[in-house]
Amino acid sequence: MSYTAGVLLLIAAMAVLTGAVLQVLQYRRGAQLITRGQLILRLVTAVVLLAIIGLIFFGVLHAWANPLDELIFWSALTLLAVLVIFLAMADLRLLEKQRHIMQAELYRAIQVAQDKGPAKSEGP
C-alpha cells in the first residue's frame, strides 16, 4: 500500500469518527431533530464504516497465502459495503417518516392558529 493510500484511509476514518461524535453531541444538546432510533442507526453505520476502513487497511497489508482466503475476505468486505448502503436507505426512510410527522404537526398548528384567529364580529 502506498503512503498516500494509507493517509487517505486514516483521513476517512477520522472523518467518520468526527461525524459520529458530532451527531451524538448535537443530539444530546437537542440541536438535532433526529430520533433516538436514527441516532443509533447512524452510529451503527459509522461503526460499520470504520470496520470497513480498518479491514481495507488490513487486507492490503496482509500477505495472503491462499487466494481463496483473499477472495472470501474481499467478498465479505463487499457485503459490508452493501450493508452500509442498506443502512443508509433505512436512515433515509426514518428521516422521511420524521419529516412527514413534523409537517403534519406544522399543519395542525397552522389550523389551530387560524381557528383561534381574531374574533369575527357579528353584523347588525
PDB file of N, CA and C in Angstrom:
ATOM      1  N   MET A   1       0.850  -1.169   0.000  1.00  0.00           N
ATOM      2  CA  MET A   1       0.000   0.000   0.000  1.00  0.00           C
ATOM      3  C   MET A   1       0.894   1.230   0.000  1.00  0.00           C
ATOM      4  N   SER A   2       0.510   2.182  -0.781  1.00  0.00           N
ATOM      5  CA  SER A   2       1.295   3.409  -0.825  1.00  0.00           C
ATOM      6  C   SER A   2       1.022   4.255   0.417  1.00  0.00           C
ATOM      7  N   TYR A   3       1.941   5.114   0.687  1.00  0.00           N
ATOM      8  CA  TYR A   3       1.813   6.023   1.825  1.00  0.00           C
ATOM      9  C   TYR A   3       0.570   6.892   1.673  1.00  0.00           C
ATOM     10  N   THR A   4       0.313   7.354   0.456  1.00  0.00           N
ATOM     11  CA  THR A   4      -0.841   8.218   0.193  1.00  0.00           C
ATOM     12  C   THR A   4      -2.147   7.491   0.485  1.00  0.00           C
ATOM     13  N   ALA A   5      -2.253   6.243   0.071  1.00  0.00           N
ATOM     14  CA  ALA A   5      -3.477   5.478   0.321  1.00  0.00           C
ATOM     15  C   ALA A   5      -3.700   5.284   1.815  1.00  0.00           C
ATOM     16  N   GLY A   6      -2.633   5.014   2.545  1.00  0.00           N
ATOM     17  CA  GLY A   6      -2.752   4.875   3.995  1.00  0.00           C
ATOM     18  C   GLY A   6      -3.220   6.155   4.660  1.00  0.00           C
ATOM     19  N   VAL A   7      -2.678   7.272   4.211  1.00  0.00           N
ATOM     20  CA  VAL A   7      -3.085   8.568   4.765  1.00  0.00           C
ATOM     21  C   VAL A   7      -4.546   8.846   4.430  1.00  0.00           C
ATOM     22  N   LEU A   8      -4.951   8.535   3.216  1.00  0.00           N
ATOM     23  CA  LEU A   8      -6.349   8.755   2.824  1.00  0.00           C
ATOM     24  C   LEU A   8      -7.304   7.890   3.642  1.00  0.00           C
ATOM     25  N   LEU A   9      -6.919   6.642   3.920  1.00  0.00           N
ATOM     26  CA  LEU A   9      -7.748   5.789   4.775  1.00  0.00           C
ATOM     27  C   LEU A   9      -7.841   6.353   6.192  1.00  0.00           C
ATOM     28  N   LEU A  10      -6.728   6.864   6.696  1.00  0.00           N
ATOM     29  CA  LEU A  10      -6.741   7.469   8.028  1.00  0.00           C
ATOM     30  C   LEU A  10      -7.623   8.712   8.057  1.00  0.00           C
ATOM     31  N   ILE A  11      -7.552   9.522   7.019  1.00  0.00           N
ATOM     32  CA  ILE A  11      -8.398  10.719   6.942  1.00  0.00           C
ATOM     33  C   ILE A  11      -9.866  10.324   6.878  1.00  0.00           C
ATOM     34  N   ALA A  12     -10.174   9.289   6.107  1.00  0.00           N
ATOM     35  CA  ALA A  12     -11.561   8.821   6.013  1.00  0.00           C
ATOM     36  C   ALA A  12     -12.052   8.328   7.369  1.00  0.00           C
ATOM     37  N   ALA A  13     -11.214   7.591   8.083  1.00  0.00           N
ATOM     38  CA  ALA A  13     -11.593   7.095   9.405  1.00  0.00           C
ATOM     39  C   ALA A  13     -11.836   8.256  10.374  1.00  0.00           C
ATOM     40  N   MET A  14     -10.967   9.247  10.327  1.00  0.00           N
ATOM     41  CA  MET A  14     -11.141  10.405  11.218  1.00  0.00           C
ATOM     42  C   MET A  14     -12.413  11.181  10.864  1.00  0.00           C
ATOM     43  N   ALA A  15     -12.732  11.274   9.585  1.00  0.00           N
ATOM     44  CA  ALA A  15     -13.945  11.975   9.172  1.00  0.00           C
ATOM     45  C   ALA A  15     -15.190  11.249   9.674  1.00  0.00           C
ATOM     46  N   VAL A  16     -15.199   9.922   9.560  1.00  0.00           N
ATOM     47  CA  VAL A  16     -16.343   9.139  10.047  1.00  0.00           C
ATOM     48  C   VAL A  16     -16.470   9.278  11.557  1.00  0.00           C
ATOM     49  N   LEU A  17     -15.356   9.168  12.262  1.00  0.00           N
ATOM     50  CA  LEU A  17     -15.366   9.279  13.720  1.00  0.00           C
ATOM     51  C   LEU A  17     -15.814  10.672  14.161  1.00  0.00           C
ATOM     52  N   THR A  18     -15.316  11.700  13.496  1.00  0.00           N
ATOM     53  CA  THR A  18     -15.717  13.072  13.824  1.00  0.00           C
ATOM     54  C   THR A  18     -17.215  13.274  13.575  1.00  0.00           C
ATOM     55  N   GLY A  19     -17.702  12.772  12.463  1.00  0.00           N
ATOM     56  CA  GLY A  19     -19.129  12.889  12.166  1.00  0.00           C
ATOM     57  C   GLY A  19     -19.989  12.195  13.210  1.00  0.00           C
ATOM     58  N   ALA A  20     -19.567  11.019  13.652  1.00  0.00           N
ATOM     59  CA  ALA A  20     -20.329  10.288  14.668  1.00  0.00           C
ATOM     60  C   ALA A  20     -20.337  11.035  15.995  1.00  0.00           C
ATOM     61  N   VAL A  21     -19.186  11.556  16.391  1.00  0.00           N
ATOM     62  CA  VAL A  21     -19.109  12.306  17.655  1.00  0.00           C
ATOM     63  C   VAL A  21     -19.976  13.564  17.580  1.00  0.00           C
ATOM     64  N   LEU A  22     -19.936  14.267  16.456  1.00  0.00           N
ATOM     65  CA  LEU A  22     -20.764  15.466  16.301  1.00  0.00           C
ATOM     66  C   LEU A  22     -22.248  15.130  16.355  1.00  0.00           C
ATOM     67  N   GLN A  23     -22.652  14.014  15.754  1.00  0.00           N
ATOM     68  CA  GLN A  23     -24.055  13.603  15.799  1.00  0.00           C
ATOM     69  C   GLN A  23     -24.502  13.378  17.244  1.00  0.00           C
ATOM     70  N   VAL A  24     -23.661  12.683  18.020  1.00  0.00           N
ATOM     71  CA  VAL A  24     -24.008  12.406  19.417  1.00  0.00           C
ATOM     72  C   VAL A  24     -24.082  13.697  20.215  1.00  0.00           C
ATOM     73  N   LEU A  25     -23.097  14.585  20.043  1.00  0.00           N
ATOM     74  CA  LEU A  25     -23.100  15.839  20.799  1.00  0.00           C
ATOM     75  C   LEU A  25     -24.299  16.711  20.449  1.00  0.00           C
ATOM     76  N   GLN A  26     -24.620  16.813  19.174  1.00  0.00           N
ATOM     77  CA  GLN A  26     -25.766  17.625  18.767  1.00  0.00           C
ATOM     78  C   GLN A  26     -27.068  17.004  19.249  1.00  0.00           C
ATOM     79  N   TYR A  27     -27.151  15.691  19.250  1.00  0.00           N
ATOM     80  CA  TYR A  27     -28.366  15.029  19.739  1.00  0.00           C
ATOM     81  C   TYR A  27     -28.551  15.288  21.233  1.00  0.00           C
ATOM     82  N   ARG A  28     -27.463  15.206  21.983  1.00  0.00           N
ATOM     83  CA  ARG A  28     -27.556  15.416  23.434  1.00  0.00           C
ATOM     84  C   ARG A  28     -27.925  16.857  23.769  1.00  0.00           C
ATOM     85  N   ARG A  29     -27.505  17.819  22.938  1.00  0.00           N
ATOM     86  CA  ARG A  29     -27.857  19.225  23.166  1.00  0.00           C
ATOM     87  C   ARG A  29     -29.251  19.552  22.664  1.00  0.00           C
ATOM     88  N   GLY A  30     -29.832  18.646  21.911  1.00  0.00           N
ATOM     89  CA  GLY A  30     -31.146  18.904  21.342  1.00  0.00           C
ATOM     90  C   GLY A  30     -31.087  19.722  20.069  1.00  0.00           C
ATOM     91  N   ALA A  31     -29.903  19.852  19.492  1.00  0.00           N
ATOM     92  CA  ALA A  31     -29.743  20.646  18.275  1.00  0.00           C
ATOM     93  C   ALA A  31     -30.141  19.852  17.036  1.00  0.00           C
ATOM     94  N   GLN A  32     -30.327  18.551  17.184  1.00  0.00           N
ATOM     95  CA  GLN A  32     -30.708  17.706  16.060  1.00  0.00           C
ATOM     96  C   GLN A  32     -32.192  17.382  16.161  1.00  0.00           C
ATOM     97  N   LEU A  33     -32.825  17.229  15.043  1.00  0.00           N
ATOM     98  CA  LEU A  33     -34.229  16.868  15.017  1.00  0.00           C
ATOM     99  C   LEU A  33     -34.416  15.380  14.760  1.00  0.00           C
ATOM    100  N   ILE A  34     -33.342  14.620  14.879  1.00  0.00           N
ATOM    101  CA  ILE A  34     -33.444  13.194  14.621  1.00  0.00           C
ATOM    102  C   ILE A  34     -33.918  12.474  15.873  1.00  0.00           C
ATOM    103  N   THR A  35     -34.482  11.299  15.675  1.00  0.00           N
ATOM    104  CA  THR A  35     -34.970  10.496  16.800  1.00  0.00           C
ATOM    105  C   THR A  35     -33.831   9.635  17.344  1.00  0.00           C
ATOM    106  N   ARG A  36     -34.099   9.024  18.469  1.00  0.00           N
ATOM    107  CA  ARG A  36     -33.095   8.145  19.083  1.00  0.00           C
ATOM    108  C   ARG A  36     -32.776   6.977  18.147  1.00  0.00           C
ATOM    109  N   GLY A  37     -33.791   6.443  17.485  1.00  0.00           N
ATOM    110  CA  GLY A  37     -33.574   5.343  16.549  1.00  0.00           C
ATOM    111  C   GLY A  37     -32.669   5.736  15.396  1.00  0.00           C
ATOM    112  N   GLN A  38     -32.852   6.954  14.897  1.00  0.00           N
ATOM    113  CA  GLN A  38     -31.992   7.441  13.816  1.00  0.00           C
ATOM    114  C   GLN A  38     -30.555   7.599  14.295  1.00  0.00           C
ATOM    115  N   LEU A  39     -30.385   8.101  15.511  1.00  0.00           N
ATOM    116  CA  LEU A  39     -29.034   8.264  16.053  1.00  0.00           C
ATOM    117  C   LEU A  39     -28.351   6.912  16.177  1.00  0.00           C
ATOM    118  N   ILE A  40     -29.064   5.930  16.708  1.00  0.00           N
ATOM    119  CA  ILE A  40     -28.476   4.596  16.848  1.00  0.00           C
ATOM    120  C   ILE A  40     -28.128   4.021  15.487  1.00  0.00           C
ATOM    121  N   LEU A  41     -29.010   4.190  14.510  1.00  0.00           N
ATOM    122  CA  LEU A  41     -28.746   3.689  13.160  1.00  0.00           C
ATOM    123  C   LEU A  41     -27.516   4.364  12.555  1.00  0.00           C
ATOM    124  N   ARG A  42     -27.376   5.657  12.771  1.00  0.00           N
ATOM    125  CA  ARG A  42     -26.217   6.375  12.247  1.00  0.00           C
ATOM    126  C   ARG A  42     -24.930   5.946  12.938  1.00  0.00           C
ATOM    127  N   LEU A  43     -25.009   5.667  14.232  1.00  0.00           N
ATOM    128  CA  LEU A  43     -23.821   5.201  14.943  1.00  0.00           C
ATOM    129  C   LEU A  43     -23.426   3.798  14.494  1.00  0.00           C
ATOM    130  N   VAL A  44     -24.416   2.942  14.248  1.00  0.00           N
ATOM    131  CA  VAL A  44     -24.124   1.607  13.725  1.00  0.00           C
ATOM    132  C   VAL A  44     -23.465   1.724  12.351  1.00  0.00           C
ATOM    133  N   THR A  45     -23.985   2.616  11.520  1.00  0.00           N
ATOM    134  CA  THR A  45     -23.397   2.835  10.200  1.00  0.00           C
ATOM    135  C   THR A  45     -21.956   3.315  10.327  1.00  0.00           C
ATOM    136  N   ALA A  46     -21.706   4.216  11.267  1.00  0.00           N
ATOM    137  CA  ALA A  46     -20.341   4.723  11.466  1.00  0.00           C
ATOM    138  C   ALA A  46     -19.406   3.600  11.902  1.00  0.00           C
ATOM    139  N   VAL A  47     -19.874   2.722  12.787  1.00  0.00           N
ATOM    140  CA  VAL A  47     -19.041   1.605  13.237  1.00  0.00           C
ATOM    141  C   VAL A  47     -18.731   0.668  12.075  1.00  0.00           C
ATOM    142  N   VAL A  48     -19.733   0.388  11.239  1.00  0.00           N
ATOM    143  CA  VAL A  48     -19.501  -0.487  10.080  1.00  0.00           C
ATOM    144  C   VAL A  48     -18.519   0.179   9.114  1.00  0.00           C
ATOM    145  N   LEU A  49     -18.655   1.487   8.898  1.00  0.00           N
ATOM    146  CA  LEU A  49     -17.712   2.192   8.019  1.00  0.00           C
ATOM    147  C   LEU A  49     -16.290   2.147   8.571  1.00  0.00           C
ATOM    148  N   LEU A  50     -16.152   2.332   9.879  1.00  0.00           N
ATOM    149  CA  LEU A  50     -14.819   2.248  10.483  1.00  0.00           C
ATOM    150  C   LEU A  50     -14.245   0.843  10.352  1.00  0.00           C
ATOM    151  N   ALA A  51     -15.111  -0.160  10.501  1.00  0.00           N
ATOM    152  CA  ALA A  51     -14.659  -1.540  10.326  1.00  0.00           C
ATOM    153  C   ALA A  51     -14.196  -1.774   8.888  1.00  0.00           C
ATOM    154  N   ILE A  52     -14.941  -1.246   7.935  1.00  0.00           N
ATOM    155  CA  ILE A  52     -14.559  -1.391   6.529  1.00  0.00           C
ATOM    156  C   ILE A  52     -13.202  -0.743   6.270  1.00  0.00           C
ATOM    157  N   ILE A  53     -13.007   0.454   6.783  1.00  0.00           N
ATOM    158  CA  ILE A  53     -11.734   1.156   6.580  1.00  0.00           C
ATOM    159  C   ILE A  53     -10.580   0.360   7.194  1.00  0.00           C
ATOM    160  N   GLY A  54     -10.786  -0.135   8.416  1.00  0.00           N
ATOM    161  CA  GLY A  54      -9.745  -0.937   9.061  1.00  0.00           C
ATOM    162  C   GLY A  54      -9.468  -2.231   8.317  1.00  0.00           C
ATOM    163  N   LEU A  55     -10.527  -2.873   7.827  1.00  0.00           N
ATOM    164  CA  LEU A  55     -10.345  -4.124   7.091  1.00  0.00           C
ATOM    165  C   LEU A  55      -9.690  -3.904   5.733  1.00  0.00           C
ATOM    166  N   ILE A  56      -9.968  -2.768   5.105  1.00  0.00           N
ATOM    167  CA  ILE A  56      -9.267  -2.450   3.851  1.00  0.00           C
ATOM    168  C   ILE A  56      -7.768  -2.321   4.124  1.00  0.00           C
ATOM    169  N   PHE A  57      -7.445  -1.601   5.187  1.00  0.00           N
ATOM    170  CA  PHE A  57      -6.044  -1.432   5.561  1.00  0.00           C
ATOM    171  C   PHE A  57      -5.390  -2.792   5.809  1.00  0.00           C
ATOM    172  N   PHE A  58      -6.093  -3.650   6.582  1.00  0.00           N
ATOM    173  CA  PHE A  58      -5.568  -4.984   6.868  1.00  0.00           C
ATOM    174  C   PHE A  58      -5.431  -5.810   5.594  1.00  0.00           C
ATOM    175  N   GLY A  59      -6.466  -5.791   4.759  1.00  0.00           N
ATOM    176  CA  GLY A  59      -6.464  -6.613   3.553  1.00  0.00           C
ATOM    177  C   GLY A  59      -5.362  -6.259   2.581  1.00  0.00           C
ATOM    178  N   VAL A  60      -5.036  -4.985   2.505  1.00  0.00           N
ATOM    179  CA  VAL A  60      -3.982  -4.564   1.588  1.00  0.00           C
ATOM    180  C   VAL A  60      -2.603  -4.941   2.132  1.00  0.00           C
ATOM    181  N   LEU A  61      -2.420  -4.847   3.430  1.00  0.00           N
ATOM    182  CA  LEU A  61      -1.111  -5.123   4.018  1.00  0.00           C
ATOM    183  C   LEU A  61      -0.854  -6.606   4.275  1.00  0.00           C
ATOM    184  N   HIS A  62      -1.914  -7.391   4.384  1.00  0.00           N
ATOM    185  CA  HIS A  62      -1.756  -8.810   4.720  1.00  0.00           C
ATOM    186  C   HIS A  62      -1.182  -9.584   3.532  1.00  0.00           C
ATOM    187  N   ALA A  63      -0.249 -10.472   3.834  1.00  0.00           N
ATOM    188  CA  ALA A  63       0.317 -11.340   2.789  1.00  0.00           C
ATOM    189  C   ALA A  63      -0.557 -12.594   2.717  1.00  0.00           C
ATOM    190  N   TRP A  64      -1.375 -12.667   1.709  1.00  0.00           N
ATOM    191  CA  TRP A  64      -2.322 -13.768   1.575  1.00  0.00           C
ATOM    192  C   TRP A  64      -1.606 -14.999   1.032  1.00  0.00           C
ATOM    193  N   ALA A  65      -1.680 -16.109   1.772  1.00  0.00           N
ATOM    194  CA  ALA A  65      -1.057 -17.364   1.342  1.00  0.00           C
ATOM    195  C   ALA A  65      -1.984 -18.109   0.372  1.00  0.00           C
ATOM    196  N   ASN A  66      -3.273 -17.982   0.592  1.00  0.00           N
ATOM    197  CA  ASN A  66      -4.251 -18.708  -0.212  1.00  0.00           C
ATOM    198  C   ASN A  66      -5.145 -17.704  -0.942  1.00  0.00           C
ATOM    199  N   PRO A  67      -5.225 -17.783  -2.252  1.00  0.00           N
ATOM    200  CA  PRO A  67      -6.078 -16.851  -2.995  1.00  0.00           C
ATOM    201  C   PRO A  67      -7.558 -16.970  -2.627  1.00  0.00           C
ATOM    202  N   LEU A  68      -7.978 -18.174  -2.226  1.00  0.00           N
ATOM    203  CA  LEU A  68      -9.379 -18.344  -1.828  1.00  0.00           C
ATOM    204  C   LEU A  68      -9.680 -17.560  -0.558  1.00  0.00           C
ATOM    205  N   ASP A  69      -8.751 -17.548   0.373  1.00  0.00           N
ATOM    206  CA  ASP A  69      -8.923 -16.754   1.600  1.00  0.00           C
ATOM    207  C   ASP A  69      -9.050 -15.273   1.266  1.00  0.00           C
ATOM    208  N   GLU A  70      -8.236 -14.840   0.338  1.00  0.00           N
ATOM    209  CA  GLU A  70      -8.290 -13.430  -0.072  1.00  0.00           C
ATOM    210  C   GLU A  70      -9.624 -13.112  -0.735  1.00  0.00           C
ATOM    211  N   LEU A  71     -10.109 -14.025  -1.570  1.00  0.00           N
ATOM    212  CA  LEU A  71     -11.402 -13.828  -2.226  1.00  0.00           C
ATOM    213  C   LEU A  71     -12.533 -13.756  -1.213  1.00  0.00           C
ATOM    214  N   ILE A  72     -12.504 -14.651  -0.239  1.00  0.00           N
ATOM    215  CA  ILE A  72     -13.532 -14.644   0.809  1.00  0.00           C
ATOM    216  C   ILE A  72     -13.467 -13.349   1.606  1.00  0.00           C
ATOM    217  N   PHE A  73     -12.260 -12.924   1.940  1.00  0.00           N
ATOM    218  CA  PHE A  73     -12.095 -11.684   2.703  1.00  0.00           C
ATOM    219  C   PHE A  73     -12.685 -10.490   1.960  1.00  0.00           C
ATOM    220  N   TRP A  74     -12.304 -10.318   0.693  1.00  0.00           N
ATOM    221  CA  TRP A  74     -12.767  -9.154  -0.062  1.00  0.00           C
ATOM    222  C   TRP A  74     -14.258  -9.258  -0.387  1.00  0.00           C
ATOM    223  N   SER A  75     -14.768 -10.478  -0.512  1.00  0.00           N
ATOM    224  CA  SER A  75     -16.214 -10.649  -0.721  1.00  0.00           C
ATOM    225  C   SER A  75     -16.984 -10.235   0.532  1.00  0.00           C
ATOM    226  N   ALA A  76     -16.489 -10.635   1.685  1.00  0.00           N
ATOM    227  CA  ALA A  76     -17.120 -10.233   2.944  1.00  0.00           C
ATOM    228  C   ALA A  76     -17.071  -8.713   3.104  1.00  0.00           C
ATOM    229  N   LEU A  77     -15.966  -8.134   2.721  1.00  0.00           N
ATOM    230  CA  LEU A  77     -15.832  -6.679   2.795  1.00  0.00           C
ATOM    231  C   LEU A  77     -16.821  -5.987   1.860  1.00  0.00           C
ATOM    232  N   THR A  78     -17.020  -6.572   0.700  1.00  0.00           N
ATOM    233  CA  THR A  78     -18.007  -6.025  -0.234  1.00  0.00           C
ATOM    234  C   THR A  78     -19.418  -6.121   0.348  1.00  0.00           C
ATOM    235  N   LEU A  79     -19.719  -7.228   1.022  1.00  0.00           N
ATOM    236  CA  LEU A  79     -21.026  -7.366   1.662  1.00  0.00           C
ATOM    237  C   LEU A  79     -21.211  -6.331   2.775  1.00  0.00           C
ATOM    238  N   LEU A  80     -20.149  -6.008   3.477  1.00  0.00           N
ATOM    239  CA  LEU A  80     -20.232  -4.946   4.485  1.00  0.00           C
ATOM    240  C   LEU A  80     -20.544  -3.596   3.828  1.00  0.00           C
ATOM    241  N   ALA A  81     -19.948  -3.361   2.674  1.00  0.00           N
ATOM    242  CA  ALA A  81     -20.241  -2.116   1.950  1.00  0.00           C
ATOM    243  C   ALA A  81     -21.702  -2.084   1.505  1.00  0.00           C
ATOM    244  N   VAL A  82     -22.234  -3.214   1.086  1.00  0.00           N
ATOM    245  CA  VAL A  82     -23.649  -3.285   0.712  1.00  0.00           C
ATOM    246  C   VAL A  82     -24.522  -3.052   1.949  1.00  0.00           C
ATOM    247  N   LEU A  83     -24.090  -3.572   3.094  1.00  0.00           N
ATOM    248  CA  LEU A  83     -24.815  -3.334   4.342  1.00  0.00           C
ATOM    249  C   LEU A  83     -24.887  -1.837   4.646  1.00  0.00           C
ATOM    250  N   VAL A  84     -23.811  -1.119   4.402  1.00  0.00           N
ATOM    251  CA  VAL A  84     -23.806   0.336   4.624  1.00  0.00           C
ATOM    252  C   VAL A  84     -24.853   1.001   3.727  1.00  0.00           C
ATOM    253  N   ILE A  85     -24.986   0.532   2.504  1.00  0.00           N
ATOM    254  CA  ILE A  85     -25.987   1.098   1.598  1.00  0.00           C
ATOM    255  C   ILE A  85     -27.385   0.864   2.154  1.00  0.00           C
ATOM    256  N   PHE A  86     -27.656  -0.342   2.640  1.00  0.00           N
ATOM    257  CA  PHE A  86     -28.974  -0.627   3.207  1.00  0.00           C
ATOM    258  C   PHE A  86     -29.225   0.176   4.483  1.00  0.00           C
ATOM    259  N   LEU A  87     -28.204   0.355   5.299  1.00  0.00           N
ATOM    260  CA  LEU A  87     -28.357   1.181   6.499  1.00  0.00           C
ATOM    261  C   LEU A  87     -28.659   2.634   6.125  1.00  0.00           C
ATOM    262  N   ALA A  88     -28.009   3.122   5.081  1.00  0.00           N
ATOM    263  CA  ALA A  88     -28.279   4.492   4.624  1.00  0.00           C
ATOM    264  C   ALA A  88     -29.705   4.614   4.100  1.00  0.00           C
ATOM    265  N   MET A  89     -30.179   3.591   3.404  1.00  0.00           N
ATOM    266  CA  MET A  89     -31.563   3.620   2.912  1.00  0.00           C
ATOM    267  C   MET A  89     -32.552   3.588   4.072  1.00  0.00           C
ATOM    268  N   ALA A  90     -32.250   2.800   5.105  1.00  0.00           N
ATOM    269  CA  ALA A  90     -33.118   2.756   6.283  1.00  0.00           C
ATOM    270  C   ALA A  90     -33.125   4.108   6.985  1.00  0.00           C
ATOM    271  N   ASP A  91     -31.974   4.752   7.081  1.00  0.00           N
ATOM    272  CA  ASP A  91     -31.892   6.082   7.686  1.00  0.00           C
ATOM    273  C   ASP A  91     -32.714   7.088   6.881  1.00  0.00           C
ATOM    274  N   LEU A  92     -32.634   6.972   5.575  1.00  0.00           N
ATOM    275  CA  LEU A  92     -33.409   7.868   4.718  1.00  0.00           C
ATOM    276  C   LEU A  92     -34.901   7.667   4.930  1.00  0.00           C
ATOM    277  N   ARG A  93     -35.338   6.432   5.079  1.00  0.00           N
ATOM    278  CA  ARG A  93     -36.767   6.161   5.322  1.00  0.00           C
ATOM    279  C   ARG A  93     -37.197   6.730   6.673  1.00  0.00           C
ATOM    280  N   LEU A  94     -36.362   6.571   7.698  1.00  0.00           N
ATOM    281  CA  LEU A  94     -36.695   7.143   9.005  1.00  0.00           C
ATOM    282  C   LEU A  94     -36.746   8.664   8.937  1.00  0.00           C
ATOM    283  N   LEU A  95     -35.833   9.246   8.195  1.00  0.00           N
ATOM    284  CA  LEU A  95     -35.810  10.697   8.034  1.00  0.00           C
ATOM    285  C   LEU A  95     -37.074  11.186   7.324  1.00  0.00           C
ATOM    286  N   GLU A  96     -37.481  10.452   6.296  1.00  0.00           N
ATOM    287  CA  GLU A  96     -38.703  10.802   5.565  1.00  0.00           C
ATOM    288  C   GLU A  96     -39.931  10.688   6.469  1.00  0.00           C
ATOM    289  N   LYS A  97     -39.978   9.642   7.270  1.00  0.00           N
ATOM    290  CA  LYS A  97     -41.087   9.453   8.207  1.00  0.00           C
ATOM    291  C   LYS A  97     -41.132  10.609   9.211  1.00  0.00           C
ATOM    292  N   GLN A  98     -39.978  10.979   9.747  1.00  0.00           N
ATOM    293  CA  GLN A  98     -39.905  12.082  10.701  1.00  0.00           C
ATOM    294  C   GLN A  98     -40.326  13.398  10.051  1.00  0.00           C
ATOM    295  N   ARG A  99     -39.951  13.600   8.794  1.00  0.00           N
ATOM    296  CA  ARG A  99     -40.336  14.817   8.083  1.00  0.00           C
ATOM    297  C   ARG A  99     -41.851  14.887   7.917  1.00  0.00           C
ATOM    298  N   HIS A 100     -42.481  13.767   7.616  1.00  0.00           N
ATOM    299  CA  HIS A 100     -43.937  13.748   7.475  1.00  0.00           C
ATOM    300  C   HIS A 100     -44.622  14.053   8.802  1.00  0.00           C
ATOM    301  N   ILE A 101     -44.082  13.517   9.883  1.00  0.00           N
ATOM    302  CA  ILE A 101     -44.654  13.777  11.204  1.00  0.00           C
ATOM    303  C   ILE A 101     -44.535  15.262  11.548  1.00  0.00           C
ATOM    304  N   MET A 102     -43.372  15.854  11.300  1.00  0.00           N
ATOM    305  CA  MET A 102     -43.176  17.268  11.604  1.00  0.00           C
ATOM    306  C   MET A 102     -44.060  18.146  10.715  1.00  0.00           C
ATOM    307  N   GLN A 103     -44.216  17.761   9.466  1.00  0.00           N
ATOM    308  CA  GLN A 103     -45.068  18.526   8.555  1.00  0.00           C
ATOM    309  C   GLN A 103     -46.527  18.472   9.019  1.00  0.00           C
ATOM    310  N   ALA A 104     -46.988  17.314   9.469  1.00  0.00           N
ATOM    311  CA  ALA A 104     -48.354  17.188   9.976  1.00  0.00           C
ATOM    312  C   ALA A 104     -48.550  18.046  11.222  1.00  0.00           C
ATOM    313  N   GLU A 105     -47.552  18.065  12.107  1.00  0.00           N
ATOM    314  CA  GLU A 105     -47.638  18.904  13.310  1.00  0.00           C
ATOM    315  C   GLU A 105     -47.700  20.383  12.936  1.00  0.00           C
ATOM    316  N   LEU A 106     -46.934  20.776  11.940  1.00  0.00           N
ATOM    317  CA  LEU A 106     -46.941  22.167  11.483  1.00  0.00           C
ATOM    318  C   LEU A 106     -48.308  22.541  10.928  1.00  0.00           C
ATOM    319  N   TYR A 107     -48.877  21.672  10.104  1.00  0.00           N
ATOM    320  CA  TYR A 107     -50.198  21.947   9.537  1.00  0.00           C
ATOM    321  C   TYR A 107     -51.263  22.019  10.631  1.00  0.00           C
ATOM    322  N   ARG A 108     -51.156  21.147  11.646  1.00  0.00           N
ATOM    323  CA  ARG A 108     -52.104  21.204  12.765  1.00  0.00           C
ATOM    324  C   ARG A 108     -51.962  22.524  13.517  1.00  0.00           C
ATOM    325  N   ALA A 109     -50.735  22.973  13.744  1.00  0.00           N
ATOM    326  CA  ALA A 109     -50.509  24.232  14.452  1.00  0.00           C
ATOM    327  C   ALA A 109     -51.051  25.410  13.649  1.00  0.00           C
ATOM    328  N   ILE A 110     -50.886  25.370  12.344  1.00  0.00           N
ATOM    329  CA  ILE A 110     -51.428  26.440  11.497  1.00  0.00           C
ATOM    330  C   ILE A 110     -52.944  26.447  11.574  1.00  0.00           C
ATOM    331  N   GLN A 111     -53.543  25.254  11.535  1.00  0.00           N
ATOM    332  CA  GLN A 111     -55.004  25.158  11.602  1.00  0.00           C
ATOM    333  C   GLN A 111     -55.519  25.676  12.937  1.00  0.00           C
ATOM    334  N   VAL A 112     -54.868  25.335  14.023  1.00  0.00           N
ATOM    335  CA  VAL A 112     -55.273  25.815  15.350  1.00  0.00           C
ATOM    336  C   VAL A 112     -55.147  27.332  15.415  1.00  0.00           C
ATOM    337  N   ALA A 113     -54.064  27.870  14.860  1.00  0.00           N
ATOM    338  CA  ALA A 113     -53.871  29.318  14.873  1.00  0.00           C
ATOM    339  C   ALA A 113     -54.943  30.016  14.050  1.00  0.00           C
ATOM    340  N   GLN A 114     -55.336  29.419  12.938  1.00  0.00           N
ATOM    341  CA  GLN A 114     -56.391  30.019  12.117  1.00  0.00           C
ATOM    342  C   GLN A 114     -57.733  29.947  12.821  1.00  0.00           C
ATOM    343  N   ASP A 115     -57.990  28.854  13.524  1.00  0.00           N
ATOM    344  CA  ASP A 115     -59.259  28.712  14.244  1.00  0.00           C
ATOM    345  C   ASP A 115     -59.348  29.682  15.411  1.00  0.00           C
ATOM    346  N   LYS A 116     -58.237  30.008  16.027  1.00  0.00           N
ATOM    347  CA  LYS A 116     -58.211  30.931  17.155  1.00  0.00           C
ATOM    348  C   LYS A 116     -58.024  32.368  16.698  1.00  0.00           C
ATOM    349  N   GLY A 117     -58.043  32.597  15.409  1.00  0.00           N
ATOM    350  CA  GLY A 117     -57.792  33.921  14.843  1.00  0.00           C
ATOM    351  C   GLY A 117     -58.689  34.979  15.451  1.00  0.00           C
ATOM    352  N   PRO A 118     -58.583  36.214  14.973  1.00  0.00           N
ATOM    353  CA  PRO A 118     -59.380  37.304  15.544  1.00  0.00           C
ATOM    354  C   PRO A 118     -60.865  36.972  15.455  1.00  0.00           C
ATOM    355  N   ALA A 119     -61.548  37.276  16.542  1.00  0.00           N
ATOM    356  CA  ALA A 119     -62.993  37.007  16.599  1.00  0.00           C
ATOM    357  C   ALA A 119     -63.708  37.877  15.586  1.00  0.00           C
ATOM    358  N   LYS A 120     -64.560  37.237  14.832  1.00  0.00           N
ATOM    359  CA  LYS A 120     -65.325  37.988  13.827  1.00  0.00           C
ATOM    360  C   LYS A 120     -66.564  38.571  14.511  1.00  0.00           C
ATOM    361  N   SER A 121     -66.747  39.830  14.287  1.00  0.00           N
ATOM    362  CA  SER A 121     -67.922  40.475  14.911  1.00  0.00           C
ATOM    363  C   SER A 121     -69.151  40.170  14.076  1.00  0.00           C
ATOM    364  N   GLU A 122     -70.216  39.973  14.782  1.00  0.00           N
ATOM    365  CA  GLU A 122     -71.496  39.697  14.108  1.00  0.00           C
ATOM    366  C   GLU A 122     -72.063  41.027  13.603  1.00  0.00           C
ATOM    367  N   GLY A 123     -72.644  40.977  12.472  1.00  0.00           N
ATOM    368  CA  GLY A 123     -73.245  42.188  11.874  1.00  0.00           C
ATOM    369  C   GLY A 123     -74.485  42.640  12.627  1.00  0.00           C
ATOM    370  N   PRO A 124     -75.062  43.810  12.274  1.00  0.00           N
ATOM    371  CA  PRO A 124     -76.239  44.336  12.973  1.00  0.00           C
ATOM    372  C   PRO A 124     -77.445  43.506  12.859  1.00  0.00           C
TER     373      PRO A 124
END
